[in-house]
Amino acid sequence: MSEYGDTVTHLGYSWRRVDTLPRLLAEGWRRELTDGCIASALLTPDGWSVAAPVYEVIAGSYLGDVGLYVPEVQYAEALELLGIEEE
């Protein structure tokens, strides 16, 4: 079971978890989502992250599992863009 909820409220909106995965992989998926005009955010043990500059990752920020979230209204589009079939 994931330590991150499937649906959360962030910035007053409902966000849905796409997956829980290592931070570096999640950052790659976020780039794909951004290129597809889909908003995304990561939930780490320290809180929400909406941007991770390369220097932050190199400097040794948290690289463990994070929750990758997209707005609920863009969830189906995000799965399609990432090639994920909903279970």
N, C-alpha and C. Protein backbone atom coordinates (compact mmCIF):
# COMPACT_ATOMS: atom_id res chain seq x y z
N MET A 1 0.84 -1.19 0.00
CA MET A 1 0.00 0.00 0.00
C MET A 1 0.89 1.25 0.00
N SER A 2 0.46 2.23 -0.74
CA SER A 2 1.22 3.47 -0.86
C SER A 2 1.09 4.32 0.38
N GLU A 3 2.17 5.03 0.72
CA GLU A 3 2.09 5.97 1.84
C GLU A 3 1.44 7.27 1.40
N TYR A 4 1.23 7.43 0.10
CA TYR A 4 0.62 8.64 -0.44
C TYR A 4 -0.82 8.32 -0.84
N GLY A 5 -1.74 9.23 -0.52
CA GLY A 5 -3.14 9.00 -0.83
C GLY A 5 -3.41 9.00 -2.32
N ASP A 6 -4.46 8.28 -2.73
CA ASP A 6 -4.82 8.24 -4.14
C ASP A 6 -5.37 9.57 -4.63
N THR A 7 -6.12 10.26 -3.78
CA THR A 7 -6.68 11.57 -4.12
C THR A 7 -6.43 12.50 -2.95
N VAL A 8 -5.92 13.70 -3.25
CA VAL A 8 -5.63 14.69 -2.21
C VAL A 8 -6.11 16.06 -2.67
N THR A 9 -6.26 16.96 -1.72
CA THR A 9 -6.57 18.34 -2.05
C THR A 9 -5.29 19.15 -1.93
N HIS A 10 -4.94 19.86 -2.99
CA HIS A 10 -3.73 20.68 -3.03
C HIS A 10 -4.07 21.97 -3.76
N LEU A 11 -3.77 23.09 -3.14
CA LEU A 11 -4.07 24.41 -3.71
C LEU A 11 -5.56 24.58 -3.99
N GLY A 12 -6.39 23.91 -3.19
CA GLY A 12 -7.84 24.05 -3.33
C GLY A 12 -8.46 23.17 -4.41
N TYR A 13 -7.67 22.30 -5.04
CA TYR A 13 -8.16 21.44 -6.11
C TYR A 13 -7.92 19.98 -5.77
N SER A 14 -8.68 19.11 -6.40
CA SER A 14 -8.51 17.68 -6.21
C SER A 14 -7.43 17.17 -7.17
N TRP A 15 -6.41 16.53 -6.60
CA TRP A 15 -5.31 15.96 -7.37
C TRP A 15 -5.33 14.45 -7.19
N ARG A 16 -4.95 13.72 -8.23
CA ARG A 16 -4.97 12.26 -8.18
C ARG A 16 -3.56 11.72 -8.41
N ARG A 17 -3.23 10.70 -7.63
CA ARG A 17 -1.88 10.11 -7.72
C ARG A 17 -1.79 9.22 -8.96
N VAL A 18 -0.81 9.51 -9.80
CA VAL A 18 -0.54 8.69 -10.98
C VAL A 18 0.23 7.45 -10.55
N ASP A 19 1.22 7.64 -9.69
CA ASP A 19 2.04 6.52 -9.23
C ASP A 19 2.93 6.98 -8.08
N THR A 20 3.52 6.02 -7.40
CA THR A 20 4.56 6.28 -6.40
C THR A 20 5.83 5.67 -6.96
N LEU A 21 6.87 6.48 -7.10
CA LEU A 21 8.08 6.01 -7.75
C LEU A 21 9.29 6.82 -7.29
N PRO A 22 10.51 6.34 -7.57
CA PRO A 22 11.70 7.09 -7.17
C PRO A 22 11.71 8.50 -7.77
N ARG A 23 12.21 9.45 -7.03
CA ARG A 23 12.17 10.86 -7.43
C ARG A 23 12.74 11.12 -8.82
N LEU A 24 13.88 10.52 -9.14
CA LEU A 24 14.49 10.78 -10.45
C LEU A 24 13.58 10.33 -11.59
N LEU A 25 12.95 9.19 -11.45
CA LEU A 25 12.01 8.71 -12.46
C LEU A 25 10.79 9.63 -12.52
N ALA A 26 10.29 10.02 -11.35
CA ALA A 26 9.13 10.91 -11.30
C ALA A 26 9.42 12.24 -11.98
N GLU A 27 10.63 12.77 -11.82
CA GLU A 27 10.99 14.03 -12.47
C GLU A 27 10.97 13.88 -13.99
N GLY A 28 11.39 12.73 -14.49
CA GLY A 28 11.33 12.47 -15.94
C GLY A 28 9.89 12.43 -16.43
N TRP A 29 9.02 11.78 -15.66
CA TRP A 29 7.61 11.73 -16.03
C TRP A 29 7.00 13.12 -15.99
N ARG A 30 7.42 13.92 -15.01
CA ARG A 30 6.90 15.30 -14.91
C ARG A 30 7.26 16.10 -16.15
N ARG A 31 8.46 15.89 -16.66
CA ARG A 31 8.87 16.60 -17.89
C ARG A 31 7.97 16.21 -19.06
N GLU A 32 7.66 14.91 -19.17
CA GLU A 32 6.75 14.46 -20.22
C GLU A 32 5.36 15.07 -20.05
N LEU A 33 4.88 15.12 -18.82
CA LEU A 33 3.57 15.72 -18.56
C LEU A 33 3.57 17.21 -18.90
N THR A 34 4.63 17.90 -18.53
CA THR A 34 4.73 19.33 -18.83
C THR A 34 4.74 19.55 -20.34
N ASP A 35 5.48 18.73 -21.06
CA ASP A 35 5.51 18.84 -22.53
C ASP A 35 4.13 18.61 -23.13
N GLY A 36 3.30 17.82 -22.44
CA GLY A 36 1.93 17.56 -22.89
C GLY A 36 0.91 18.52 -22.30
N CYS A 37 1.39 19.60 -21.67
CA CYS A 37 0.53 20.64 -21.07
C CYS A 37 -0.34 20.11 -19.93
N ILE A 38 0.20 19.18 -19.16
CA ILE A 38 -0.51 18.64 -18.00
C ILE A 38 0.24 19.08 -16.75
N ALA A 39 -0.47 19.70 -15.84
CA ALA A 39 0.13 20.13 -14.57
C ALA A 39 0.47 18.91 -13.73
N SER A 40 1.52 19.02 -12.92
CA SER A 40 1.87 17.92 -12.03
C SER A 40 2.60 18.46 -10.82
N ALA A 41 2.62 17.65 -9.77
CA ALA A 41 3.33 18.00 -8.54
C ALA A 41 3.78 16.70 -7.88
N LEU A 42 4.86 16.80 -7.13
CA LEU A 42 5.36 15.65 -6.38
C LEU A 42 5.09 15.86 -4.90
N LEU A 43 4.70 14.80 -4.23
CA LEU A 43 4.54 14.85 -2.78
C LEU A 43 5.66 14.01 -2.18
N THR A 44 6.54 14.66 -1.43
CA THR A 44 7.66 14.01 -0.78
C THR A 44 7.37 13.95 0.72
N PRO A 45 8.18 13.23 1.49
CA PRO A 45 7.97 13.24 2.94
C PRO A 45 8.08 14.64 3.54
N ASP A 46 8.76 15.56 2.84
CA ASP A 46 8.91 16.93 3.33
C ASP A 46 7.83 17.87 2.83
N GLY A 47 6.93 17.40 1.98
CA GLY A 47 5.85 18.25 1.47
C GLY A 47 5.83 18.27 -0.05
N TRP A 48 5.09 19.24 -0.58
CA TRP A 48 4.90 19.35 -2.03
C TRP A 48 6.10 19.97 -2.72
N SER A 49 6.39 19.47 -3.91
CA SER A 49 7.44 20.02 -4.77
C SER A 49 6.84 20.24 -6.15
N VAL A 50 6.86 21.48 -6.60
CA VAL A 50 6.33 21.77 -7.93
C VAL A 50 7.45 22.01 -8.94
N ALA A 51 8.68 22.12 -8.48
CA ALA A 51 9.83 22.28 -9.38
C ALA A 51 11.07 21.75 -8.68
N ALA A 52 11.93 21.10 -9.44
CA ALA A 52 13.18 20.58 -8.87
C ALA A 52 14.31 20.93 -9.82
N PRO A 53 14.96 22.05 -9.59
CA PRO A 53 16.11 22.40 -10.43
C PRO A 53 17.18 21.32 -10.36
N VAL A 54 17.93 21.18 -11.43
CA VAL A 54 18.97 20.15 -11.49
C VAL A 54 19.92 20.26 -10.31
N TYR A 55 20.28 21.49 -9.93
CA TYR A 55 21.22 21.64 -8.81
C TYR A 55 20.66 21.07 -7.51
N GLU A 56 19.33 21.11 -7.34
CA GLU A 56 18.73 20.55 -6.12
C GLU A 56 18.92 19.04 -6.09
N VAL A 57 18.70 18.39 -7.22
CA VAL A 57 18.86 16.94 -7.30
C VAL A 57 20.33 16.56 -7.08
N ILE A 58 21.24 17.28 -7.73
CA ILE A 58 22.68 17.01 -7.58
C ILE A 58 23.14 17.24 -6.15
N ALA A 59 22.58 18.24 -5.49
CA ALA A 59 22.99 18.59 -4.13
C ALA A 59 22.54 17.56 -3.10
N GLY A 60 21.75 16.59 -3.52
CA GLY A 60 21.38 15.52 -2.61
C GLY A 60 20.04 15.68 -1.94
N SER A 61 19.09 16.33 -2.61
CA SER A 61 17.75 16.40 -2.03
C SER A 61 17.16 14.99 -1.99
N TYR A 62 16.00 14.86 -1.43
CA TYR A 62 15.36 13.56 -1.26
C TYR A 62 15.18 12.85 -2.61
N LEU A 63 15.71 11.64 -2.73
CA LEU A 63 15.62 10.89 -3.98
C LEU A 63 14.83 9.60 -3.85
N GLY A 64 14.22 9.37 -2.68
CA GLY A 64 13.43 8.16 -2.48
C GLY A 64 12.09 8.24 -3.20
N ASP A 65 11.16 7.39 -2.79
CA ASP A 65 9.85 7.35 -3.42
C ASP A 65 9.05 8.60 -3.13
N VAL A 66 8.38 9.08 -4.18
CA VAL A 66 7.51 10.25 -4.09
C VAL A 66 6.18 9.91 -4.76
N GLY A 67 5.16 10.66 -4.41
CA GLY A 67 3.87 10.53 -5.08
C GLY A 67 3.81 11.53 -6.23
N LEU A 68 3.51 11.05 -7.43
CA LEU A 68 3.35 11.93 -8.59
C LEU A 68 1.86 12.17 -8.79
N TYR A 69 1.47 13.44 -8.70
CA TYR A 69 0.06 13.81 -8.77
C TYR A 69 -0.22 14.74 -9.94
N VAL A 70 -1.43 14.61 -10.49
CA VAL A 70 -1.93 15.52 -11.52
C VAL A 70 -3.34 15.95 -11.09
N PRO A 71 -3.80 17.09 -11.60
CA PRO A 71 -5.18 17.48 -11.29
C PRO A 71 -6.15 16.38 -11.73
N GLU A 72 -7.16 16.13 -10.91
CA GLU A 72 -8.13 15.07 -11.22
C GLU A 72 -8.70 15.22 -12.63
N VAL A 73 -8.94 16.46 -13.05
CA VAL A 73 -9.54 16.68 -14.38
C VAL A 73 -8.59 16.32 -15.52
N GLN A 74 -7.30 16.16 -15.25
CA GLN A 74 -6.34 15.79 -16.28
C GLN A 74 -5.81 14.37 -16.11
N TYR A 75 -6.38 13.62 -15.18
CA TYR A 75 -5.87 12.29 -14.84
C TYR A 75 -5.87 11.34 -16.04
N ALA A 76 -7.00 11.20 -16.72
CA ALA A 76 -7.09 10.28 -17.86
C ALA A 76 -6.11 10.68 -18.96
N GLU A 77 -6.01 11.96 -19.22
CA GLU A 77 -5.09 12.47 -20.23
C GLU A 77 -3.63 12.17 -19.85
N ALA A 78 -3.32 12.30 -18.56
CA ALA A 78 -1.96 12.02 -18.08
C ALA A 78 -1.61 10.54 -18.28
N LEU A 79 -2.53 9.65 -17.92
CA LEU A 79 -2.28 8.23 -18.10
C LEU A 79 -2.04 7.89 -19.57
N GLU A 80 -2.86 8.48 -20.43
CA GLU A 80 -2.71 8.23 -21.87
C GLU A 80 -1.35 8.73 -22.36
N LEU A 81 -0.96 9.91 -21.96
CA LEU A 81 0.32 10.49 -22.38
C LEU A 81 1.50 9.63 -21.92
N LEU A 82 1.41 9.09 -20.71
CA LEU A 82 2.49 8.27 -20.16
C LEU A 82 2.41 6.81 -20.59
N GLY A 83 1.34 6.44 -21.30
CA GLY A 83 1.18 5.07 -21.77
C GLY A 83 0.83 4.10 -20.67
N ILE A 84 0.10 4.58 -19.66
CA ILE A 84 -0.30 3.74 -18.52
C ILE A 84 -1.76 3.35 -18.68
N GLU A 85 -2.05 2.06 -18.56
CA GLU A 85 -3.43 1.60 -18.60
C GLU A 85 -3.96 1.54 -17.18
N GLU A 86 -5.14 2.15 -16.97
CA GLU A 86 -5.74 2.16 -15.64
C GLU A 86 -6.22 0.76 -15.29
N GLU A 87 -5.93 0.34 -14.06
CA GLU A 87 -6.32 -1.01 -13.60
C GLU A 87 -7.77 -1.05 -13.25
